């Protein structure tokens, strides 16, 4: 295994709750009104420091989607999924977007001289 290089984000970020690896910026959230098996989830335009699993067809509340699970590169924990394809025309906007499940990450708000942690359970 080679050396692991992580992207370090600045601003209000979402990080893995297990290893604190940065995953996404609050500014990249498209919607906070998503739900998953374990509760709330956020739709992101982009995320970093992830690896992807195998493509699979998944029936969701909004129809059939092709998705890949996404994992934290720091610790390997599952943090959500990526939409690869949507069957329904109205759901095409999700393609290429990411879901981070709230129960899988920790929110860290950073500013000049300020660091606070809000643990998500």
N, C-alpha and C. Protein backbone atom coordinates (compact mmCIF):
# COMPACT_ATOMS: atom_id res chain seq x y z
N UNK A 1 0.85 -1.17 0.00
CA UNK A 1 0.00 0.00 0.00
C UNK A 1 0.89 1.23 0.00
N UNK A 2 0.56 2.19 -0.86
CA UNK A 2 1.34 3.42 -0.97
C UNK A 2 0.99 4.40 0.12
N UNK A 3 1.60 5.57 0.02
CA UNK A 3 1.36 6.64 0.98
C UNK A 3 -0.03 7.23 0.77
N UNK A 4 -0.68 7.58 1.85
CA UNK A 4 -2.03 8.14 1.78
C UNK A 4 -1.94 9.66 1.82
N UNK A 5 -2.46 10.32 0.79
CA UNK A 5 -2.52 11.77 0.74
C UNK A 5 -3.96 12.20 0.91
N UNK A 6 -4.21 13.03 1.89
CA UNK A 6 -5.56 13.50 2.17
C UNK A 6 -5.71 14.95 1.76
N UNK A 7 -6.89 15.30 1.29
CA UNK A 7 -7.22 16.68 0.99
C UNK A 7 -7.74 17.31 2.28
N UNK A 8 -7.15 18.42 2.67
CA UNK A 8 -7.55 19.13 3.88
C UNK A 8 -8.40 20.33 3.47
N UNK A 9 -9.64 20.38 3.96
CA UNK A 9 -10.57 21.44 3.60
C UNK A 9 -10.54 22.55 4.64
N UNK A 10 -10.93 23.75 4.23
CA UNK A 10 -11.01 24.88 5.15
C UNK A 10 -12.43 25.42 5.14
N UNK A 11 -12.90 25.84 6.29
CA UNK A 11 -14.25 26.36 6.42
C UNK A 11 -15.10 25.43 7.24
N UNK A 12 -16.40 25.49 7.05
CA UNK A 12 -17.33 24.58 7.73
C UNK A 12 -17.32 23.26 6.98
N UNK A 13 -16.87 22.21 7.67
CA UNK A 13 -16.65 20.93 7.00
C UNK A 13 -17.42 19.80 7.67
N UNK A 14 -17.59 18.72 6.92
CA UNK A 14 -18.11 17.47 7.43
C UNK A 14 -16.98 16.47 7.37
N UNK A 15 -16.79 15.74 8.47
CA UNK A 15 -15.69 14.80 8.60
C UNK A 15 -16.18 13.46 9.10
N UNK A 16 -15.36 12.44 8.89
CA UNK A 16 -15.65 11.10 9.40
C UNK A 16 -15.69 11.14 10.93
N UNK A 17 -16.70 10.53 11.53
CA UNK A 17 -16.80 10.56 12.99
C UNK A 17 -15.81 9.62 13.66
N UNK A 18 -15.22 8.71 12.90
CA UNK A 18 -14.27 7.76 13.48
C UNK A 18 -12.84 8.27 13.46
N UNK A 19 -12.44 8.91 12.36
CA UNK A 19 -11.03 9.31 12.22
C UNK A 19 -10.85 10.79 11.89
N UNK A 20 -11.95 11.53 11.77
CA UNK A 20 -11.93 12.98 11.52
C UNK A 20 -11.38 13.38 10.15
N UNK A 21 -11.28 12.44 9.22
CA UNK A 21 -10.86 12.78 7.86
C UNK A 21 -11.90 13.68 7.23
N UNK A 22 -11.46 14.76 6.60
CA UNK A 22 -12.38 15.70 5.96
C UNK A 22 -13.09 15.02 4.79
N UNK A 23 -14.40 15.27 4.68
CA UNK A 23 -15.20 14.67 3.61
C UNK A 23 -15.83 15.71 2.68
N UNK A 24 -16.34 16.79 3.22
CA UNK A 24 -17.01 17.76 2.37
C UNK A 24 -17.19 19.10 3.05
N UNK A 25 -17.42 20.11 2.23
CA UNK A 25 -17.67 21.47 2.71
C UNK A 25 -19.17 21.72 2.84
N UNK A 26 -19.55 22.45 3.86
CA UNK A 26 -20.96 22.82 4.02
C UNK A 26 -21.45 23.60 2.80
N UNK A 27 -20.56 24.34 2.16
CA UNK A 27 -20.93 25.11 0.97
C UNK A 27 -21.30 24.22 -0.22
N UNK A 28 -20.90 22.95 -0.19
CA UNK A 28 -21.20 22.03 -1.29
C UNK A 28 -22.47 21.23 -1.07
N UNK A 29 -23.22 21.54 -0.01
CA UNK A 29 -24.49 20.85 0.23
C UNK A 29 -25.54 21.40 -0.73
N UNK A 30 -26.20 20.49 -1.43
CA UNK A 30 -27.28 20.84 -2.34
C UNK A 30 -28.61 20.80 -1.59
N UNK A 31 -28.78 19.78 -0.74
CA UNK A 31 -30.04 19.62 -0.01
C UNK A 31 -29.80 18.90 1.31
N UNK A 32 -30.54 19.35 2.34
CA UNK A 32 -30.50 18.70 3.64
C UNK A 32 -31.79 17.91 3.89
N UNK A 33 -32.60 17.74 2.88
CA UNK A 33 -33.91 17.09 3.07
C UNK A 33 -33.94 15.65 2.58
N UNK A 34 -32.80 14.96 2.62
CA UNK A 34 -32.74 13.56 2.22
C UNK A 34 -32.81 12.67 3.45
N UNK A 35 -33.26 11.44 3.24
CA UNK A 35 -33.35 10.47 4.32
C UNK A 35 -32.74 9.16 3.85
N UNK A 36 -32.19 8.41 4.79
CA UNK A 36 -31.61 7.11 4.49
C UNK A 36 -32.12 6.12 5.53
N UNK A 37 -31.61 4.91 5.48
CA UNK A 37 -32.06 3.88 6.42
C UNK A 37 -31.87 4.29 7.87
N UNK A 38 -30.84 5.08 8.14
CA UNK A 38 -30.48 5.41 9.52
C UNK A 38 -30.84 6.83 9.94
N UNK A 39 -31.62 7.54 9.13
CA UNK A 39 -32.01 8.90 9.50
C UNK A 39 -31.72 9.91 8.41
N UNK A 40 -31.33 11.11 8.84
CA UNK A 40 -31.10 12.20 7.90
C UNK A 40 -29.84 11.98 7.07
N UNK A 41 -29.87 12.58 5.88
CA UNK A 41 -28.72 12.53 4.98
C UNK A 41 -28.70 13.82 4.17
N UNK A 42 -27.51 14.20 3.74
CA UNK A 42 -27.33 15.42 2.96
C UNK A 42 -26.82 15.09 1.58
N UNK A 43 -27.35 15.79 0.57
CA UNK A 43 -26.90 15.64 -0.81
C UNK A 43 -25.80 16.67 -1.06
N UNK A 44 -24.62 16.19 -1.46
CA UNK A 44 -23.46 17.03 -1.73
C UNK A 44 -23.14 17.05 -3.22
N UNK A 45 -22.67 18.20 -3.68
CA UNK A 45 -22.20 18.32 -5.05
C UNK A 45 -20.88 17.58 -5.23
N UNK A 46 -20.00 17.67 -4.22
CA UNK A 46 -18.74 16.94 -4.26
C UNK A 46 -18.27 16.62 -2.86
N UNK A 47 -17.51 15.54 -2.74
CA UNK A 47 -16.87 15.15 -1.49
C UNK A 47 -15.44 14.71 -1.81
N UNK A 48 -14.62 14.63 -0.78
CA UNK A 48 -13.21 14.27 -0.96
C UNK A 48 -12.85 13.15 0.00
N UNK A 49 -11.67 12.59 -0.20
CA UNK A 49 -11.10 11.58 0.69
C UNK A 49 -11.99 10.36 0.87
N UNK A 50 -12.52 9.88 -0.26
CA UNK A 50 -13.38 8.69 -0.24
C UNK A 50 -12.88 7.67 -1.26
N UNK A 51 -13.28 6.44 -1.07
CA UNK A 51 -13.15 5.39 -2.08
C UNK A 51 -14.56 4.90 -2.36
N UNK A 52 -14.73 4.25 -3.50
CA UNK A 52 -16.07 3.79 -3.87
C UNK A 52 -16.12 2.27 -3.96
N UNK A 53 -17.30 1.73 -3.67
CA UNK A 53 -17.53 0.30 -3.76
C UNK A 53 -18.02 -0.09 -5.15
N UNK A 54 -18.62 -1.25 -5.23
CA UNK A 54 -19.14 -1.80 -6.48
C UNK A 54 -20.49 -1.15 -6.83
N UNK A 55 -20.73 -0.98 -8.13
CA UNK A 55 -22.03 -0.47 -8.59
C UNK A 55 -23.11 -1.50 -8.28
N UNK A 56 -24.26 -0.98 -7.89
CA UNK A 56 -25.41 -1.86 -7.67
C UNK A 56 -26.70 -1.09 -7.92
N UNK A 57 -27.71 -1.82 -8.30
CA UNK A 57 -29.05 -1.24 -8.48
C UNK A 57 -29.73 -1.25 -7.12
N UNK A 58 -30.30 -0.10 -6.74
CA UNK A 58 -30.96 0.01 -5.44
C UNK A 58 -32.31 0.70 -5.61
N UNK A 59 -33.35 0.07 -5.07
CA UNK A 59 -34.67 0.68 -5.07
C UNK A 59 -34.74 1.62 -3.88
N UNK A 60 -35.01 2.89 -4.17
CA UNK A 60 -35.11 3.90 -3.13
C UNK A 60 -36.51 4.49 -3.17
N UNK A 61 -36.79 5.37 -2.25
CA UNK A 61 -38.12 5.98 -2.18
C UNK A 61 -38.47 6.72 -3.47
N UNK A 62 -37.47 7.20 -4.19
CA UNK A 62 -37.70 7.97 -5.42
C UNK A 62 -37.50 7.13 -6.68
N UNK A 63 -37.42 5.82 -6.54
CA UNK A 63 -37.28 4.95 -7.70
C UNK A 63 -35.96 4.20 -7.72
N UNK A 64 -35.72 3.52 -8.85
CA UNK A 64 -34.51 2.70 -9.00
C UNK A 64 -33.33 3.60 -9.36
N UNK A 65 -32.20 3.38 -8.67
CA UNK A 65 -30.97 4.12 -8.93
C UNK A 65 -29.79 3.15 -8.99
N UNK A 66 -28.79 3.50 -9.79
CA UNK A 66 -27.50 2.81 -9.76
C UNK A 66 -26.61 3.62 -8.84
N UNK A 67 -26.08 2.98 -7.80
CA UNK A 67 -25.29 3.68 -6.79
C UNK A 67 -24.02 2.90 -6.47
N UNK A 68 -23.08 3.59 -5.84
CA UNK A 68 -21.91 2.96 -5.26
C UNK A 68 -21.79 3.48 -3.83
N UNK A 69 -21.53 2.60 -2.89
CA UNK A 69 -21.28 3.05 -1.52
C UNK A 69 -19.96 3.80 -1.50
N UNK A 70 -19.85 4.80 -0.60
CA UNK A 70 -18.59 5.54 -0.46
C UNK A 70 -18.05 5.32 0.94
N UNK A 71 -16.72 5.21 1.01
CA UNK A 71 -16.02 4.88 2.24
C UNK A 71 -14.95 5.93 2.53
N UNK A 72 -14.72 6.21 3.80
CA UNK A 72 -13.66 7.12 4.24
C UNK A 72 -12.31 6.47 3.91
N UNK A 73 -11.40 7.24 3.29
CA UNK A 73 -10.08 6.68 2.99
C UNK A 73 -9.23 6.55 4.24
N UNK A 74 -9.57 7.30 5.29
CA UNK A 74 -8.78 7.24 6.52
C UNK A 74 -8.97 5.97 7.30
N UNK A 75 -10.23 5.53 7.44
CA UNK A 75 -10.50 4.37 8.28
C UNK A 75 -11.34 3.29 7.60
N UNK A 76 -11.85 3.56 6.42
CA UNK A 76 -12.64 2.57 5.69
C UNK A 76 -14.11 2.50 6.07
N UNK A 77 -14.56 3.37 6.96
CA UNK A 77 -15.97 3.37 7.36
C UNK A 77 -16.85 3.82 6.21
N UNK A 78 -18.03 3.21 6.11
CA UNK A 78 -18.99 3.66 5.11
C UNK A 78 -19.55 5.01 5.57
N UNK A 79 -19.61 5.97 4.66
CA UNK A 79 -20.10 7.31 5.02
C UNK A 79 -21.32 7.72 4.19
N UNK A 80 -21.66 6.95 3.18
CA UNK A 80 -22.82 7.28 2.34
C UNK A 80 -22.76 6.57 1.01
N UNK A 81 -23.24 7.23 -0.05
CA UNK A 81 -23.21 6.65 -1.39
C UNK A 81 -23.17 7.74 -2.45
N UNK A 82 -22.84 7.32 -3.66
CA UNK A 82 -22.82 8.21 -4.83
C UNK A 82 -23.85 7.70 -5.82
N UNK A 83 -24.63 8.64 -6.37
CA UNK A 83 -25.58 8.28 -7.42
C UNK A 83 -24.85 8.20 -8.76
N UNK A 84 -24.85 7.06 -9.37
CA UNK A 84 -24.24 6.88 -10.69
C UNK A 84 -25.27 7.13 -11.79
N UNK A 85 -26.48 6.62 -11.60
CA UNK A 85 -27.53 6.78 -12.62
C UNK A 85 -28.89 6.70 -11.95
N UNK A 86 -29.84 7.41 -12.54
CA UNK A 86 -31.22 7.38 -12.07
C UNK A 86 -32.11 6.94 -13.21
N UNK A 87 -33.09 6.08 -12.93
CA UNK A 87 -34.01 5.60 -13.96
C UNK A 87 -35.07 6.64 -14.28
N UNK A 88 -35.58 7.32 -13.27
CA UNK A 88 -36.63 8.32 -13.45
C UNK A 88 -36.04 9.62 -13.99
N UNK A 89 -36.69 10.19 -14.98
CA UNK A 89 -36.22 11.44 -15.58
C UNK A 89 -36.12 12.57 -14.55
N UNK A 90 -37.08 12.62 -13.64
CA UNK A 90 -37.10 13.68 -12.63
C UNK A 90 -35.96 13.54 -11.61
N UNK A 91 -35.32 12.39 -11.57
CA UNK A 91 -34.24 12.13 -10.60
C UNK A 91 -32.84 12.25 -11.20
N UNK A 92 -32.75 12.60 -12.46
CA UNK A 92 -31.46 12.69 -13.15
C UNK A 92 -30.52 13.71 -12.51
N UNK A 93 -31.06 14.72 -11.82
CA UNK A 93 -30.22 15.75 -11.20
C UNK A 93 -29.28 15.16 -10.13
N UNK A 94 -29.60 13.96 -9.63
CA UNK A 94 -28.79 13.31 -8.59
C UNK A 94 -27.54 12.64 -9.16
N UNK A 95 -27.52 12.38 -10.44
CA UNK A 95 -26.40 11.65 -11.03
C UNK A 95 -25.08 12.39 -10.81
N UNK A 96 -24.08 11.64 -10.31
CA UNK A 96 -22.78 12.22 -10.01
C UNK A 96 -22.70 12.93 -8.67
N UNK A 97 -23.81 12.96 -7.92
CA UNK A 97 -23.86 13.62 -6.62
C UNK A 97 -23.67 12.58 -5.51
N UNK A 98 -23.40 13.08 -4.31
CA UNK A 98 -23.06 12.23 -3.17
C UNK A 98 -24.02 12.44 -2.01
N UNK A 99 -24.29 11.36 -1.30
CA UNK A 99 -25.05 11.42 -0.06
C UNK A 99 -24.09 11.12 1.09
N UNK A 100 -24.06 12.01 2.09
CA UNK A 100 -23.38 11.71 3.34
C UNK A 100 -24.45 11.52 4.39
N UNK A 101 -24.42 10.36 5.04
CA UNK A 101 -25.40 10.05 6.06
C UNK A 101 -24.99 10.72 7.37
N UNK A 102 -25.93 11.44 7.99
CA UNK A 102 -25.62 12.19 9.20
C UNK A 102 -25.08 11.31 10.33
N UNK A 103 -25.54 10.08 10.43
CA UNK A 103 -25.06 9.24 11.53
C UNK A 103 -23.66 8.69 11.28
N UNK A 104 -23.09 8.95 10.10
CA UNK A 104 -21.76 8.45 9.79
C UNK A 104 -20.68 9.53 9.82
N UNK A 105 -21.05 10.77 10.10
CA UNK A 105 -20.01 11.79 10.12
C UNK A 105 -20.18 12.73 11.30
N UNK A 106 -19.21 13.59 11.47
CA UNK A 106 -19.21 14.58 12.55
C UNK A 106 -19.05 15.94 11.88
N UNK A 107 -19.75 16.91 12.36
CA UNK A 107 -19.69 18.25 11.79
C UNK A 107 -18.67 19.08 12.56
N UNK A 108 -17.74 19.67 11.86
CA UNK A 108 -16.73 20.53 12.49
C UNK A 108 -16.84 21.91 11.87
N UNK A 109 -17.09 22.89 12.68
CA UNK A 109 -17.20 24.26 12.20
C UNK A 109 -15.91 24.99 12.55
N UNK A 110 -15.19 25.44 11.54
CA UNK A 110 -13.91 26.10 11.77
C UNK A 110 -13.94 27.52 11.24
N UNK A 111 -13.39 28.42 11.99
CA UNK A 111 -13.23 29.80 11.57
C UNK A 111 -11.99 30.35 12.24
N UNK A 112 -11.65 31.61 11.99
CA UNK A 112 -10.45 32.18 12.62
C UNK A 112 -10.55 32.10 14.14
N UNK A 113 -9.65 31.33 14.73
CA UNK A 113 -9.61 31.20 16.19
C UNK A 113 -10.75 30.40 16.78
N UNK A 114 -11.54 29.69 15.96
CA UNK A 114 -12.70 28.98 16.46
C UNK A 114 -12.71 27.56 15.92
N UNK A 115 -12.82 26.61 16.81
CA UNK A 115 -13.02 25.22 16.41
C UNK A 115 -14.04 24.63 17.38
N UNK A 116 -15.16 24.17 16.85
CA UNK A 116 -16.15 23.53 17.71
C UNK A 116 -16.59 22.22 17.07
N UNK A 117 -16.95 21.27 17.90
CA UNK A 117 -17.37 19.95 17.41
C UNK A 117 -18.82 19.71 17.81
N UNK A 118 -19.60 19.23 16.86
CA UNK A 118 -20.97 18.82 17.14
C UNK A 118 -21.06 17.36 16.75
N UNK A 119 -21.11 16.47 17.72
CA UNK A 119 -21.15 15.04 17.43
C UNK A 119 -22.55 14.66 16.99
N UNK A 120 -22.61 13.90 15.93
CA UNK A 120 -23.88 13.44 15.38
C UNK A 120 -24.04 11.99 15.75
N UNK A 121 -25.14 11.68 16.42
CA UNK A 121 -25.36 10.29 16.87
C UNK A 121 -26.52 9.71 16.10
